[in-house]
Amino acid sequence: MAPVQAHLTIGEAARISGVKVPTIRFYEETGLLPHLPRSEGNRRLYDDAQVKRLAFIRHARELGFGLDAIRTLLTLQDRPDQPCAEADAIAGARLDEVRRRISSLRALEAELEQMVQACAHGQVAECRVIETLADHGRCSFHRDIETSRDTAPQPATQVRARTKGRR
């Protein structure tokens, strides 16, 4: 990103960072962005650091990180002399979530494929699709989901607590 002028309006910061104006206001309200200086007309004034922070948040959201994880990552970014073990743990937890979702989607694909292939294309009374949707017990996808919930990872707050002693 090219250097930004100091004292941008919220609209200009939104255009440069790719974050919508209402979302920028939300990020300020939730503490992801610091409260910014204001002009005489009470308009927020953004500079290069805030625009980069907005771009960081947008990219993290695109990768599916939750607001708590982003808040922690921003705190770490603000203290660059620290070890990155906590950032690694947060990214690792997100990677585990993505892998579980991929596995779940593959199971869903297989179940839907099985439902479609098992359908004899006859009457609804003998329709495998309808039978499976009516009875969760017939659906292997739901059994897989229940199993994966039992082995789900800990939330990011527990990951943070676990990594605090490593600093």
Protein backbone atom coordinates (compact mmCIF):
# COMPACT_ATOMS: atom_id res chain seq x y z
CA MET A 1 0.00 0.00 0.00
CA ALA A 2 1.37 3.42 -0.95
CA PRO A 3 1.91 6.00 1.79
CA VAL A 4 -1.27 7.79 2.74
CA GLN A 5 -1.68 11.47 3.52
CA ALA A 6 -2.38 12.38 7.12
CA HIS A 7 -5.87 13.52 8.00
CA LEU A 8 -8.00 11.44 5.65
CA THR A 9 -11.75 11.41 6.05
CA ILE A 10 -13.52 8.18 6.92
CA GLY A 11 -14.72 7.88 3.32
CA GLU A 12 -11.18 8.19 1.97
CA ALA A 13 -9.89 5.69 4.54
CA ALA A 14 -12.68 3.31 3.54
CA ARG A 15 -11.85 3.61 -0.16
CA ILE A 16 -8.11 3.03 0.38
CA SER A 17 -8.47 0.17 2.88
CA GLY A 18 -11.42 -1.57 1.25
CA VAL A 19 -13.44 -1.45 4.48
CA LYS A 20 -16.94 0.06 4.39
CA VAL A 21 -17.66 3.19 6.43
CA PRO A 22 -20.20 1.55 8.81
CA THR A 23 -17.72 -1.27 9.42
CA ILE A 24 -14.97 1.25 10.26
CA ARG A 25 -17.29 2.86 12.80
CA PHE A 26 -18.06 -0.58 14.25
CA TYR A 27 -14.35 -1.35 14.56
CA GLU A 28 -13.85 1.91 16.42
CA GLU A 29 -16.79 1.17 18.75
CA THR A 30 -15.47 -2.32 19.53
CA GLY A 31 -11.92 -1.13 20.17
CA LEU A 32 -10.23 -2.66 17.12
CA LEU A 33 -9.42 0.89 16.06
CA PRO A 34 -8.39 3.48 18.59
CA HIS A 35 -10.55 6.55 19.05
CA LEU A 36 -9.18 8.93 16.48
CA PRO A 37 -8.51 12.63 16.56
CA ARG A 38 -11.27 14.79 15.14
CA SER A 39 -11.29 17.85 12.93
CA GLU A 40 -12.86 21.14 13.99
CA GLY A 41 -15.98 19.89 12.22
CA ASN A 42 -15.91 16.74 14.42
CA ARG A 43 -14.87 14.43 11.55
CA ARG A 44 -12.58 11.50 12.28
CA LEU A 45 -9.07 11.97 10.89
CA TYR A 46 -7.22 8.90 9.59
CA ASP A 47 -3.56 8.51 8.72
CA ASP A 48 -1.34 5.80 7.27
CA ALA A 49 -1.25 3.77 10.51
CA GLN A 50 -5.06 3.58 10.79
CA VAL A 51 -5.49 2.72 7.10
CA LYS A 52 -2.92 -0.09 7.45
CA ARG A 53 -4.71 -1.31 10.57
CA LEU A 54 -8.00 -1.33 8.66
CA ALA A 55 -6.42 -3.31 5.83
CA PHE A 56 -4.99 -5.78 8.40
CA ILE A 57 -8.44 -6.24 9.97
CA ARG A 58 -10.11 -6.64 6.56
CA HIS A 59 -7.59 -9.29 5.49
CA ALA A 60 -7.92 -11.15 8.80
CA ARG A 61 -11.73 -11.11 8.46
CA GLU A 62 -11.45 -12.41 4.88
CA LEU A 63 -9.42 -15.33 6.27
CA GLY A 64 -12.19 -15.98 8.80
CA PHE A 65 -10.53 -14.82 12.01
CA GLY A 66 -12.98 -13.78 14.70
CA LEU A 67 -12.94 -10.34 16.29
CA ASP A 68 -11.35 -11.60 19.53
CA ALA A 69 -8.53 -13.27 17.59
CA ILE A 70 -8.03 -10.11 15.53
CA ARG A 71 -7.98 -8.00 18.68
CA THR A 72 -5.22 -10.22 20.09
CA LEU A 73 -3.29 -10.17 16.81
CA LEU A 74 -3.49 -6.37 16.71
CA THR A 75 -2.23 -6.19 20.28
CA LEU A 76 0.69 -8.41 19.29
CA GLN A 77 1.33 -6.29 16.21
CA ASP A 78 1.48 -3.20 18.43
CA ARG A 79 4.27 -4.88 20.44
CA PRO A 80 6.61 -6.24 17.74
CA ASP A 81 9.41 -7.18 20.15
CA GLN A 82 7.40 -10.12 21.57
CA PRO A 83 7.74 -13.74 20.42
CA CYS A 84 5.11 -14.76 17.89
CA ALA A 85 4.01 -17.98 19.64
CA GLU A 86 0.59 -16.57 20.44
CA ALA A 87 0.05 -15.41 16.85
CA ASP A 88 1.15 -18.86 15.66
CA ALA A 89 -1.31 -20.50 18.06
CA ILE A 90 -4.19 -18.31 16.86
CA ALA A 91 -3.40 -19.01 13.19
CA GLY A 92 -3.00 -22.72 13.98
CA ALA A 93 -6.40 -22.81 15.67
CA ARG A 94 -7.95 -21.11 12.63
CA LEU A 95 -6.24 -23.64 10.34
CA ASP A 96 -7.70 -26.47 12.43
CA GLU A 97 -11.18 -24.90 12.10
CA VAL A 98 -10.78 -24.66 8.32
CA ARG A 99 -9.65 -28.26 8.09
CA ARG A 100 -12.65 -29.41 10.14
CA ARG A 101 -14.95 -27.40 7.87
CA ILE A 102 -13.38 -28.94 4.78
CA SER A 103 -13.85 -32.39 6.28
CA SER A 104 -17.44 -31.56 7.14
CA LEU A 105 -18.08 -30.25 3.62
CA ARG A 106 -16.59 -33.43 2.14
CA ALA A 107 -18.89 -35.50 4.33
CA LEU A 108 -21.82 -33.34 3.26
CA GLU A 109 -20.86 -33.78 -0.38
CA ALA A 110 -20.68 -37.57 0.06
CA GLU A 111 -24.05 -37.68 1.82
CA LEU A 112 -25.74 -35.58 -0.85
CA GLU A 113 -24.13 -37.66 -3.57
CA GLN A 114 -25.35 -40.85 -1.87
CA MET A 115 -28.86 -39.42 -1.51
CA VAL A 116 -29.04 -38.45 -5.17
CA GLN A 117 -27.60 -41.75 -6.41
CA ALA A 118 -29.88 -43.81 -4.14
CA CYS A 119 -32.97 -42.11 -5.44
CA ALA A 120 -34.80 -44.34 -7.88
CA HIS A 121 -36.44 -41.32 -9.52
CA GLY A 122 -39.79 -42.93 -8.86
CA GLN A 123 -42.49 -41.81 -6.47
CA VAL A 124 -41.94 -39.50 -3.51
CA ALA A 125 -43.19 -42.28 -1.24
CA GLU A 126 -39.96 -44.23 -1.96
CA CYS A 127 -37.66 -41.23 -2.39
CA ARG A 128 -34.30 -41.63 -0.61
CA VAL A 129 -33.81 -37.85 -0.55
CA ILE A 130 -37.08 -37.31 1.31
CA GLU A 131 -36.44 -40.27 3.64
CA THR A 132 -32.98 -39.02 4.57
CA LEU A 133 -34.12 -35.46 5.17
CA ALA A 134 -37.01 -36.68 7.32
CA ASP A 135 -34.83 -38.91 9.54
CA HIS A 136 -31.52 -37.58 10.90
CA GLY A 137 -30.58 -41.13 11.85
CA ARG A 138 -30.28 -42.02 8.16
CA CYS A 139 -27.90 -39.16 7.49
CA SER A 140 -24.22 -39.97 7.94
CA PHE A 141 -23.40 -36.26 7.65
CA HIS A 142 -25.14 -35.49 10.94
CA ARG A 143 -23.41 -38.39 12.66
CA ASP A 144 -20.05 -36.98 11.45
CA ILE A 145 -20.98 -33.50 12.71
CA GLU A 146 -21.86 -34.84 16.17
CA THR A 147 -18.53 -36.69 16.30
CA SER A 148 -16.56 -33.59 15.26
CA ARG A 149 -18.31 -31.47 17.94
CA ASP A 150 -17.08 -33.89 20.56
CA THR A 151 -13.49 -33.35 19.36
CA ALA A 152 -13.75 -29.59 18.63
CA PRO A 153 -10.76 -27.40 19.57
CA GLN A 154 -10.73 -24.90 22.35
CA PRO A 155 -11.86 -21.32 21.70
CA ALA A 156 -9.20 -18.67 21.01
CA THR A 157 -9.48 -17.38 24.59
CA GLN A 158 -8.27 -20.75 25.85
CA VAL A 159 -5.49 -20.74 23.25
CA ARG A 160 -4.41 -17.30 24.52
CA ALA A 161 -4.42 -18.48 28.13
CA ARG A 162 -2.37 -21.54 27.19
CA THR A 163 0.27 -19.46 25.35
CA LYS A 164 0.64 -16.62 27.86
CA GLY A 165 3.18 -18.53 29.92
CA ARG A 166 5.47 -18.94 26.88
CA ARG A 167 6.41 -15.27 26.60
